[in-house]
Amino acid sequence: MMEPLLMLTALLLAHAVATLVRAAVARRRRSRCYLLDYVCHKPSDDRKVSTEVGGSLILRNNRLGLPELRFLLRVIVRSGIGEHSYDPCSILEGREDSPTHRDALDEMDAFFDEAIADLFVRTGMSPGDVDVLVVNVSLFSPAPSLASRVVRRFAMREDVAAYSLSGMGCGAGLVALDLARNAMRARPASTLALVVSSESIAPSWYAGTDRSMMLGNCLFRSGGAAALLTNDPSLCGRAKMALRHLVRTNTAADDKAHTCAQQREDDDGRVGISLGKALPEAAVRALTLNLRRLVPLVLPVAELLRFAAQHVSSMLLSHFGMHVKAAGRPGARINFKTGVEHFCLHPGGAAVIEAVKESLGLDDDDVEPARMTLHRWGNTSASSLWYVLSYMEAKGRLKRGDRALMLTFGSGFKCNSCLWEVTGDMADKGAWADCVDEYPPESTTNPYMDKYSWVNQQA
């Protein structure tokens, strides 16, 4: 009598273990995230902001006095942006003071119709294959949503899980990526996700005189990117990269961090994005908190032990009154290159790139992709990281097995990072095809100073 019971118990236990193993394998498969391909939007040439065009945009604002013009000239010269970035038609046509809802929609449609359509052609996928759609545009949130607009324009399925993100700032690209990954985890291991990142510049031009709000006009430009992701292991052979880690940090509970980059009204009631003096401090704090979680995930144990030993040694020497730096020995610093080959940094501005370079102990070659992206495209907000990645690919730098670290900042204040591993061939020149051979240029000096030096000469 006992033997059948023992056999039944053994069978039940075996069945339970097999069920748990299958569930664990299924969860692991669902947690996979592969990048099939991505496309960066290249607006039409008639939307380029040359020196002539940029100067005319500034000078036709009759609210600006000579001090404001001088300030704007200094910002533009130091911005690191060249003559080939893009603005919406409404701004180039002189309607920045009174943009319409139609202007904002037209800017989005031009991006959707070119980039998303191209992505489907490149991957061989169809809109009907998409299970999850995430669209992030911070400063434009119409009804129906932009995600619904994409569903309609590409005739996607009725059961597609569509999400629209707004108000997330430049860091929204990785927020959207994280949302897509999590949505795939809750679905079968054969899910396709489309992530669409852009910013609406048309309704966001600031026409006032508040200096903290004038900065955005100098830095932000039109652009966008679309990426197809999957958790399907049968498609991993077609994928370009695999997502290994993603870390998000949000310090919005701190008042200074929350208000250092915000959309608000100035004293005259004009709306714009204000970049406050507390922004650098907020960025450093958010970056530090993010790296505390990221470093153990991406760096080898040997490097962590080396850093810990060096840090303890420095503390002991300092305790006994021996100043390490004065003795010619460097302070403890983590070598990120032991776990990362490529650094895909947010091109928020020349100062932002330089600050991250110093914080991570990088050299000029490491930050070249970010600098060149800023020079060619400007700050395209949440889509900027994809242009940086595209530069690396166009230059033939991404080899199988290489790891690329994406790092971005955004209002809130947020710092988001993720680590990709190259798993396929990456040799496409994308939006850089017609100009990548010209980069890096011999000089990235901004021509505005030569053209508008008279602004600083006037009394």
Protein backbone atom coordinates (compact mmCIF):
# COMPACT_ATOMS: atom_id res chain seq x y z
CA MET A 1 0.00 0.00 0.00
CA MET A 2 2.88 2.34 0.86
CA GLU A 3 4.73 1.71 -2.42
CA PRO A 4 1.99 3.18 -4.69
CA LEU A 5 1.74 6.20 -2.38
CA LEU A 6 5.49 6.72 -2.54
CA MET A 7 5.41 6.40 -6.31
CA LEU A 8 2.51 8.86 -6.52
CA THR A 9 4.32 11.30 -4.22
CA ALA A 10 7.48 10.99 -6.30
CA LEU A 11 5.53 11.60 -9.49
CA LEU A 12 3.80 14.66 -8.00
CA LEU A 13 7.16 16.04 -6.82
CA ALA A 14 8.71 15.41 -10.23
CA HIS A 15 5.77 17.12 -11.90
CA ALA A 16 6.04 20.11 -9.53
CA VAL A 17 9.78 20.42 -10.16
CA ALA A 18 9.27 20.18 -13.92
CA THR A 19 6.56 22.84 -13.74
CA LEU A 20 8.83 25.16 -11.74
CA VAL A 21 11.70 24.59 -14.16
CA ARG A 22 9.47 25.31 -17.17
CA ALA A 23 8.17 28.46 -15.46
CA ALA A 24 11.71 29.60 -14.67
CA VAL A 25 12.81 28.97 -18.26
CA ALA A 26 9.75 30.82 -19.55
CA ARG A 27 10.46 33.79 -17.28
CA ARG A 28 14.07 33.83 -18.44
CA ARG A 29 13.01 33.78 -22.06
CA ARG A 30 10.50 36.55 -21.49
CA SER A 31 13.15 38.67 -19.76
CA ARG A 32 15.33 38.58 -22.86
CA CYS A 33 15.37 41.74 -24.93
CA TYR A 34 16.96 41.88 -28.36
CA LEU A 35 17.35 44.91 -30.61
CA LEU A 36 16.40 43.82 -34.13
CA ASP A 37 17.14 47.20 -35.71
CA TYR A 38 16.59 50.93 -35.33
CA VAL A 39 16.22 53.98 -37.58
CA CYS A 40 17.17 57.59 -36.86
CA HIS A 41 15.10 60.24 -38.60
CA LYS A 42 16.79 62.60 -41.05
CA PRO A 43 14.47 65.58 -41.74
CA SER A 44 14.39 67.19 -45.17
CA ASP A 45 17.21 69.56 -46.12
CA ASP A 46 14.88 72.55 -46.29
CA ARG A 47 14.61 72.35 -42.50
CA LYS A 48 18.34 72.79 -41.81
CA VAL A 49 19.40 75.49 -39.38
CA SER A 50 22.48 77.11 -40.93
CA THR A 51 24.31 80.07 -39.43
CA GLU A 52 22.21 82.41 -41.54
CA VAL A 53 18.95 80.79 -40.48
CA GLY A 54 19.91 80.53 -36.82
CA GLY A 55 20.99 84.13 -36.69
CA SER A 56 17.78 85.32 -38.29
CA LEU A 57 15.72 83.36 -35.72
CA ILE A 58 17.46 85.23 -32.92
CA LEU A 59 17.52 88.68 -34.47
CA ARG A 60 13.86 88.76 -35.43
CA ASN A 61 12.85 88.52 -31.76
CA ASN A 62 12.38 92.24 -31.12
CA ARG A 63 12.03 91.65 -27.38
CA LEU A 64 15.74 90.96 -27.08
CA GLY A 65 18.11 93.76 -26.18
CA LEU A 66 21.86 93.77 -26.71
CA PRO A 67 22.60 91.95 -23.40
CA GLU A 68 20.28 89.09 -24.39
CA LEU A 69 21.78 88.91 -27.90
CA ARG A 70 25.27 88.71 -26.43
CA PHE A 71 24.15 85.98 -24.06
CA LEU A 72 22.58 83.94 -26.86
CA LEU A 73 25.64 84.32 -29.06
CA ARG A 74 27.91 83.02 -26.29
CA VAL A 75 25.59 80.06 -25.69
CA ILE A 76 25.40 79.13 -29.37
CA VAL A 77 29.15 79.41 -29.89
CA ARG A 78 29.79 77.15 -26.89
CA SER A 79 26.97 74.74 -27.67
CA GLY A 80 28.97 72.46 -29.95
CA ILE A 81 26.21 72.47 -32.61
CA GLY A 82 27.14 72.91 -36.26
CA GLU A 83 25.19 74.08 -39.31
CA HIS A 84 23.28 70.94 -40.23
CA SER A 85 20.74 70.39 -37.44
CA TYR A 86 17.00 70.77 -38.07
CA ASP A 87 14.01 72.78 -36.87
CA PRO A 88 10.27 72.44 -37.63
CA CYS A 89 8.79 74.27 -40.62
CA SER A 90 6.71 76.55 -38.39
CA ILE A 91 9.86 78.04 -36.82
CA LEU A 92 11.71 78.38 -40.11
CA GLU A 93 8.66 80.10 -41.61
CA GLY A 94 8.62 82.69 -38.81
CA ARG A 95 5.57 81.39 -36.93
CA GLU A 96 7.35 80.40 -33.71
CA ASP A 97 5.30 82.90 -31.67
CA SER A 98 2.01 81.34 -32.73
CA PRO A 99 2.44 77.65 -33.60
CA THR A 100 -0.71 75.68 -34.31
CA HIS A 101 -1.76 72.22 -33.21
CA ARG A 102 -1.41 71.23 -36.86
CA ASP A 103 2.26 72.33 -36.84
CA ALA A 104 3.02 69.93 -33.99
CA LEU A 105 1.17 67.07 -35.67
CA ASP A 106 2.94 67.71 -38.99
CA GLU A 107 6.32 67.55 -37.26
CA MET A 108 5.43 64.18 -35.72
CA ASP A 109 3.92 62.77 -38.91
CA ALA A 110 7.02 63.60 -40.95
CA PHE A 111 9.04 61.55 -38.47
CA PHE A 112 6.55 58.68 -38.19
CA ASP A 113 6.06 58.29 -41.93
CA GLU A 114 9.78 58.16 -42.68
CA ALA A 115 11.47 56.42 -39.76
CA ILE A 116 8.85 53.85 -38.74
CA ALA A 117 8.07 52.87 -42.32
CA ASP A 118 11.79 52.46 -43.04
CA LEU A 119 12.22 50.31 -39.93
CA PHE A 120 9.55 47.85 -41.09
CA VAL A 121 11.18 47.61 -44.52
CA ARG A 122 14.64 47.02 -43.04
CA THR A 123 13.52 44.31 -40.63
CA GLY A 124 11.00 42.60 -42.89
CA MET A 125 8.42 42.92 -40.13
CA SER A 126 4.95 44.35 -40.67
CA PRO A 127 2.87 46.68 -38.48
CA GLY A 128 0.56 43.74 -37.81
CA ASP A 129 3.43 41.88 -36.12
CA VAL A 130 3.77 44.51 -33.37
CA ASP A 131 2.45 43.43 -29.97
CA VAL A 132 3.68 46.37 -27.85
CA LEU A 133 4.00 50.02 -28.88
CA VAL A 134 5.64 52.71 -26.75
CA VAL A 135 5.78 56.33 -27.96
CA ASN A 136 7.56 59.00 -25.93
CA VAL A 137 7.30 62.71 -26.74
CA SER A 138 7.64 64.97 -23.70
CA LEU A 139 6.14 68.32 -24.71
CA PHE A 140 3.20 67.31 -26.90
CA SER A 141 0.39 65.13 -25.60
CA PRO A 142 -2.63 65.33 -27.94
CA ALA A 143 -5.88 63.36 -27.79
CA PRO A 144 -6.06 60.82 -29.30
CA SER A 145 -2.54 60.03 -28.13
CA LEU A 146 0.50 59.88 -30.38
CA ALA A 147 0.57 56.11 -29.83
CA SER A 148 -2.97 55.94 -31.19
CA ARG A 149 -1.85 58.08 -34.11
CA VAL A 150 0.88 55.54 -34.94
CA VAL A 151 -1.60 52.65 -34.61
CA ARG A 152 -3.95 54.39 -37.05
CA ARG A 153 -1.33 55.46 -39.59
CA PHE A 154 0.14 51.94 -39.80
CA ALA A 155 -3.10 49.97 -39.34
CA MET A 156 -1.87 47.96 -36.37
CA ARG A 157 -3.86 45.20 -34.69
CA GLU A 158 -6.76 45.91 -32.35
CA ASP A 159 -5.03 44.10 -29.47
CA VAL A 160 -1.71 45.98 -29.67
CA ALA A 161 -0.68 47.25 -26.23
CA ALA A 162 -0.06 50.96 -26.91
CA TYR A 163 1.52 53.38 -24.43
CA SER A 164 2.19 57.13 -24.68
CA LEU A 165 4.76 58.78 -22.40
CA SER A 166 4.92 62.56 -21.93
CA GLY A 167 6.77 64.96 -19.66
CA MET A 168 9.73 62.59 -19.15
CA GLY A 169 12.40 64.80 -20.73
CA CYS A 170 15.61 63.71 -22.43
CA GLY A 171 15.82 60.56 -20.33
CA ALA A 172 12.57 59.20 -21.76
CA GLY A 173 14.29 57.06 -24.40
CA LEU A 174 15.48 54.55 -21.82
CA VAL A 175 12.25 54.87 -19.83
CA ALA A 176 10.39 53.80 -22.99
CA LEU A 177 12.86 50.97 -23.50
CA ASP A 178 12.32 49.78 -19.93
CA LEU A 179 8.53 49.93 -20.34
CA ALA A 180 8.72 47.89 -23.54
CA ARG A 181 10.97 45.31 -21.90
CA ASN A 182 8.63 44.95 -18.93
CA ALA A 183 5.60 44.68 -21.19
CA MET A 184 7.31 41.86 -23.10
CA ARG A 185 8.06 40.07 -19.83
CA ALA A 186 4.33 39.81 -19.17
CA ARG A 187 3.72 38.23 -22.57
CA PRO A 188 4.79 35.04 -24.37
CA ALA A 189 8.39 34.61 -25.50
CA SER A 190 7.53 35.67 -29.03
CA THR A 191 6.65 39.33 -28.54
CA LEU A 192 7.60 42.22 -30.81
CA ALA A 193 7.81 45.75 -29.42
CA LEU A 194 8.13 49.06 -31.28
CA VAL A 195 9.70 51.95 -29.34
CA VAL A 196 9.33 55.43 -30.84
CA SER A 197 11.26 58.36 -29.32
CA SER A 198 11.09 62.01 -30.36
CA GLU A 199 10.39 65.54 -29.17
CA SER A 200 7.97 68.17 -30.41
CA ILE A 201 9.92 71.35 -31.06
CA ALA A 202 7.18 73.23 -32.95
CA PRO A 203 5.08 74.31 -29.92
CA SER A 204 8.05 74.57 -27.56
CA TRP A 205 9.93 77.63 -28.86
CA TYR A 206 10.41 80.24 -26.15
CA ALA A 207 9.95 83.84 -27.31
CA GLY A 208 10.66 85.64 -24.04
CA THR A 209 13.74 87.14 -22.37
CA ASP A 210 14.31 84.88 -19.33
CA ARG A 211 17.86 83.60 -19.81
CA SER A 212 17.23 80.26 -18.10
CA MET A 213 14.45 79.63 -20.63
CA MET A 214 16.30 80.90 -23.70
CA LEU A 215 18.86 78.09 -23.48
CA GLY A 216 16.50 75.49 -24.92
CA ASN A 217 16.17 77.37 -28.21
CA CYS A 218 19.92 77.10 -28.68
CA LEU A 219 20.26 73.40 -27.88
CA PHE A 220 17.15 71.46 -28.93
CA ARG A 221 16.55 70.35 -32.52
CA SER A 222 14.12 68.15 -34.44
CA GLY A 223 14.80 64.44 -34.71
CA GLY A 224 13.53 61.05 -33.67
CA ALA A 225 14.26 57.33 -33.63
CA ALA A 226 12.29 54.11 -33.92
CA ALA A 227 13.51 50.72 -32.67
CA LEU A 228 12.14 47.18 -32.94
CA LEU A 229 12.71 44.90 -29.94
CA THR A 230 11.80 41.28 -29.27
CA ASN A 231 12.08 38.62 -26.57
CA ASP A 232 11.82 35.81 -29.15
CA PRO A 233 14.95 33.59 -28.92
CA SER A 234 14.32 32.34 -32.45
CA LEU A 235 15.02 35.89 -33.70
CA CYS A 236 18.20 36.45 -31.69
CA GLY A 237 20.28 35.44 -34.71
CA ARG A 238 18.84 38.40 -36.61
CA ALA A 239 19.30 40.87 -33.76
CA LYS A 240 22.01 43.50 -33.65
CA MET A 241 22.28 43.73 -29.87
CA ALA A 242 21.02 42.19 -26.63
CA LEU A 243 20.02 44.28 -23.62
CA ARG A 244 21.92 43.06 -20.56
CA HIS A 245 21.13 45.60 -17.85
CA LEU A 246 19.01 48.74 -17.40
CA VAL A 247 19.12 51.00 -14.34
CA ARG A 248 16.83 53.97 -13.70
CA THR A 249 17.34 56.65 -11.05
CA ASN A 250 14.80 59.37 -10.21
CA THR A 251 15.61 62.05 -7.62
CA ALA A 252 12.34 64.00 -7.99
CA ALA A 253 11.70 63.75 -4.22
CA ASP A 254 14.38 66.45 -3.83
CA ASP A 255 12.96 69.95 -4.42
CA LYS A 256 16.07 71.30 -6.19
CA ALA A 257 16.29 68.30 -8.46
CA HIS A 258 12.59 68.47 -9.28
CA THR A 259 12.66 72.13 -10.34
CA CYS A 260 16.08 72.43 -12.01
CA ALA A 261 14.64 71.55 -15.43
CA GLN A 262 10.98 72.35 -15.80
CA GLN A 263 8.36 73.79 -18.13
CA ARG A 264 6.94 76.99 -16.66
CA GLU A 265 5.74 80.50 -17.38
CA ASP A 266 8.02 83.51 -17.18
CA ASP A 267 7.01 86.83 -15.61
CA ASP A 268 5.22 87.81 -18.81
CA GLY A 269 3.23 84.57 -19.04
CA ARG A 270 5.29 83.00 -21.85
CA VAL A 271 5.85 79.26 -21.49
CA GLY A 272 9.24 77.63 -21.94
CA ILE A 273 11.68 75.11 -20.51
CA SER A 274 13.70 76.57 -17.66
CA LEU A 275 17.19 75.15 -17.02
CA GLY A 276 18.17 76.27 -13.52
CA LYS A 277 21.52 76.75 -11.81
CA ALA A 278 20.92 73.68 -9.65
CA LEU A 279 20.95 71.40 -12.71
CA PRO A 280 24.67 70.44 -12.59
CA GLU A 281 24.40 69.50 -8.91
CA ALA A 282 21.25 67.47 -9.56
CA ALA A 283 22.90 65.69 -12.50
CA VAL A 284 25.97 64.73 -10.45
CA ARG A 285 23.84 63.35 -7.63
CA ALA A 286 21.60 61.36 -9.99
CA LEU A 287 24.63 60.01 -11.87
CA THR A 288 26.31 58.95 -8.62
CA LEU A 289 23.21 57.10 -7.42
CA ASN A 290 22.77 55.41 -10.79
CA LEU A 291 26.38 54.24 -10.97
CA ARG A 292 26.17 52.72 -7.49
CA ARG A 293 23.63 50.26 -8.84
CA LEU A 294 25.09 49.91 -12.33
CA VAL A 295 28.77 49.30 -11.52
CA PRO A 296 28.34 45.92 -9.78
CA LEU A 297 26.32 44.71 -12.76
CA VAL A 298 28.71 45.65 -15.57
CA LEU A 299 32.26 45.55 -14.20
CA PRO A 300 34.34 42.43 -13.48
CA VAL A 301 34.97 41.38 -9.88
CA ALA A 302 38.69 41.99 -10.28
CA GLU A 303 38.10 45.67 -11.04
CA LEU A 304 35.71 46.04 -8.10
CA LEU A 305 38.28 44.48 -5.77
CA ARG A 306 41.05 46.68 -7.16
CA PHE A 307 38.96 49.80 -6.63
CA ALA A 308 37.96 48.73 -3.11
CA ALA A 309 41.58 48.04 -2.16
CA GLN A 310 42.73 51.38 -3.58
CA HIS A 311 39.92 53.21 -1.81
CA VAL A 312 40.69 51.59 1.54
CA SER A 313 44.39 52.34 1.07
CA SER A 314 43.64 55.99 0.37
CA MET A 315 41.45 56.22 3.47
CA LEU A 316 44.13 54.68 5.67
CA LEU A 317 46.85 56.95 4.33
CA SER A 318 44.58 59.97 4.83
CA HIS A 319 43.80 58.81 8.38
CA PHE A 320 47.50 58.78 9.21
CA GLY A 321 48.00 62.23 7.75
CA MET A 322 49.53 61.17 4.43
CA HIS A 323 47.86 63.01 1.54
CA VAL A 324 47.67 60.58 -1.36
CA LYS A 325 47.38 63.08 -4.18
CA ALA A 326 50.17 65.21 -2.81
CA ALA A 327 52.44 62.18 -2.89
CA GLY A 328 51.77 61.82 -6.61
CA ARG A 329 49.45 58.84 -6.36
CA PRO A 330 46.05 59.11 -8.03
CA GLY A 331 42.90 58.89 -5.95
CA ALA A 332 40.70 55.79 -6.15
CA ARG A 333 38.79 55.69 -9.45
CA ILE A 334 36.87 52.94 -11.18
CA ASN A 335 38.07 51.98 -14.65
CA PHE A 336 34.84 51.61 -16.62
CA LYS A 337 36.72 50.35 -19.65
CA THR A 338 37.27 47.01 -17.93
CA GLY A 339 33.60 46.23 -18.54
CA VAL A 340 32.57 48.57 -21.36
CA GLU A 341 34.10 49.13 -24.80
CA HIS A 342 31.83 51.95 -26.04
CA PHE A 343 30.16 54.88 -24.30
CA CYS A 344 26.90 56.16 -25.75
CA LEU A 345 26.45 59.43 -23.84
CA HIS A 346 23.54 61.83 -24.09
CA PRO A 347 24.63 64.84 -26.22
CA GLY A 348 22.75 67.35 -24.07
CA GLY A 349 25.39 70.00 -24.65
CA ALA A 350 29.17 70.40 -24.77
CA ALA A 351 29.32 71.04 -21.01
CA VAL A 352 27.23 67.92 -20.25
CA ILE A 353 29.50 65.70 -22.35
CA GLU A 354 32.64 67.13 -20.75
CA ALA A 355 31.23 66.66 -17.23
CA VAL A 356 30.38 63.00 -17.84
CA LYS A 357 33.76 62.45 -19.48
CA GLU A 358 35.53 63.71 -16.35
CA SER A 359 33.22 61.81 -13.99
CA LEU A 360 33.81 58.47 -15.72
CA GLY A 361 37.50 59.01 -16.46
CA LEU A 362 37.04 58.79 -20.24
CA ASP A 363 39.21 60.17 -23.04
CA ASP A 364 38.40 62.13 -26.20
CA ASP A 365 37.91 58.99 -28.32
CA ASP A 366 35.29 57.71 -25.88
CA VAL A 367 33.17 60.85 -26.13
CA GLU A 368 33.73 61.50 -29.84
CA PRO A 369 30.39 59.88 -30.84
CA ALA A 370 28.46 62.13 -28.46
CA ARG A 371 30.31 65.27 -29.54
CA MET A 372 29.85 64.53 -33.23
CA THR A 373 26.16 63.79 -32.71
CA LEU A 374 25.73 67.13 -30.97
CA HIS A 375 27.57 68.88 -33.80
CA ARG A 376 25.58 67.21 -36.59
CA TRP A 377 22.09 66.87 -35.08
CA GLY A 378 21.98 69.02 -31.95
CA ASN A 379 20.17 67.77 -28.85
CA THR A 380 17.21 65.77 -30.16
CA SER A 381 16.10 64.97 -26.59
CA ALA A 382 15.02 61.36 -25.94
CA SER A 383 16.16 60.12 -29.36
CA SER A 384 19.71 61.47 -29.05
CA LEU A 385 21.24 58.21 -27.78
CA TRP A 386 20.17 56.39 -30.93
CA TYR A 387 22.01 58.94 -33.10
CA VAL A 388 25.13 58.39 -30.98
CA LEU A 389 24.80 54.62 -31.39
CA SER A 390 24.28 55.10 -35.12
CA TYR A 391 27.53 57.09 -35.34
CA MET A 392 29.41 54.20 -33.72
CA GLU A 393 27.83 51.75 -36.14
CA ALA A 394 28.47 53.97 -39.17
CA LYS A 395 32.14 54.18 -38.17
CA GLY A 396 32.37 50.38 -37.96
CA ARG A 397 33.31 50.42 -34.28
CA LEU A 398 30.76 47.93 -32.95
CA LYS A 399 32.04 44.34 -33.13
CA ARG A 400 30.43 41.12 -31.91
CA GLY A 401 30.87 40.75 -28.18
CA ASP A 402 31.46 44.47 -27.60
CA ARG A 403 29.51 46.17 -24.82
CA ALA A 404 28.04 49.64 -25.20
CA LEU A 405 26.89 51.73 -22.24
CA MET A 406 24.02 54.17 -22.83
CA LEU A 407 23.78 57.00 -20.31
CA THR A 408 21.23 59.81 -20.31
CA PHE A 409 19.73 62.51 -18.12
CA GLY A 410 16.26 64.04 -17.98
CA SER A 411 13.97 66.35 -16.08
CA GLY A 412 12.71 65.03 -12.79
CA PHE A 413 15.70 64.81 -12.23
CA LYS A 414 16.55 61.45 -13.80
CA CYS A 415 19.65 59.51 -14.75
CA ASN A 416 19.08 56.32 -16.76
CA SER A 417 21.62 53.83 -18.06
CA CYS A 418 21.69 50.51 -19.86
CA LEU A 419 24.27 48.05 -21.16
CA TRP A 420 23.98 46.48 -24.62
CA GLU A 421 26.03 43.60 -25.98
CA VAL A 422 26.64 43.42 -29.73
CA THR A 423 25.36 40.06 -30.98
CA GLY A 424 25.10 40.60 -34.73
CA ASP A 425 26.69 42.44 -37.62
CA MET A 426 26.55 46.22 -37.26
CA ALA A 427 27.76 47.99 -40.38
CA ASP A 428 24.85 50.19 -41.42
CA LYS A 429 25.49 53.92 -41.80
CA GLY A 430 21.87 54.93 -41.33
CA ALA A 431 21.18 58.65 -41.04
CA TRP A 432 24.95 59.31 -41.14
CA ALA A 433 25.41 57.79 -44.61
CA ASP A 434 26.00 61.04 -46.49
CA CYS A 435 28.31 62.68 -43.97
CA VAL A 436 30.02 60.19 -41.63
CA ASP A 437 33.24 60.26 -43.66
CA GLU A 438 33.50 63.98 -42.88
CA TYR A 439 33.53 63.28 -39.13
CA PRO A 440 35.23 64.17 -36.96
CA PRO A 441 35.89 67.46 -38.80
CA GLU A 442 39.23 69.18 -38.41
CA SER A 443 37.48 71.92 -36.48
CA THR A 444 34.11 72.10 -34.75
CA THR A 445 34.39 75.84 -34.17
CA ASN A 446 30.94 77.37 -34.42
CA PRO A 447 30.70 79.88 -37.31
CA TYR A 448 28.26 82.12 -35.41
CA MET A 449 31.13 84.06 -33.82
CA ASP A 450 32.55 85.08 -37.20
CA LYS A 451 29.15 86.00 -38.59
CA TYR A 452 27.75 87.81 -35.55
CA SER A 453 30.85 89.06 -33.73
CA TRP A 454 29.43 92.60 -34.10
CA VAL A 455 27.01 91.77 -31.27
CA ASN A 456 29.87 91.68 -28.78
CA GLN A 457 31.57 94.72 -30.29
CA GLN A 458 28.66 97.09 -29.87
CA ALA A 459 28.58 99.23 -26.76
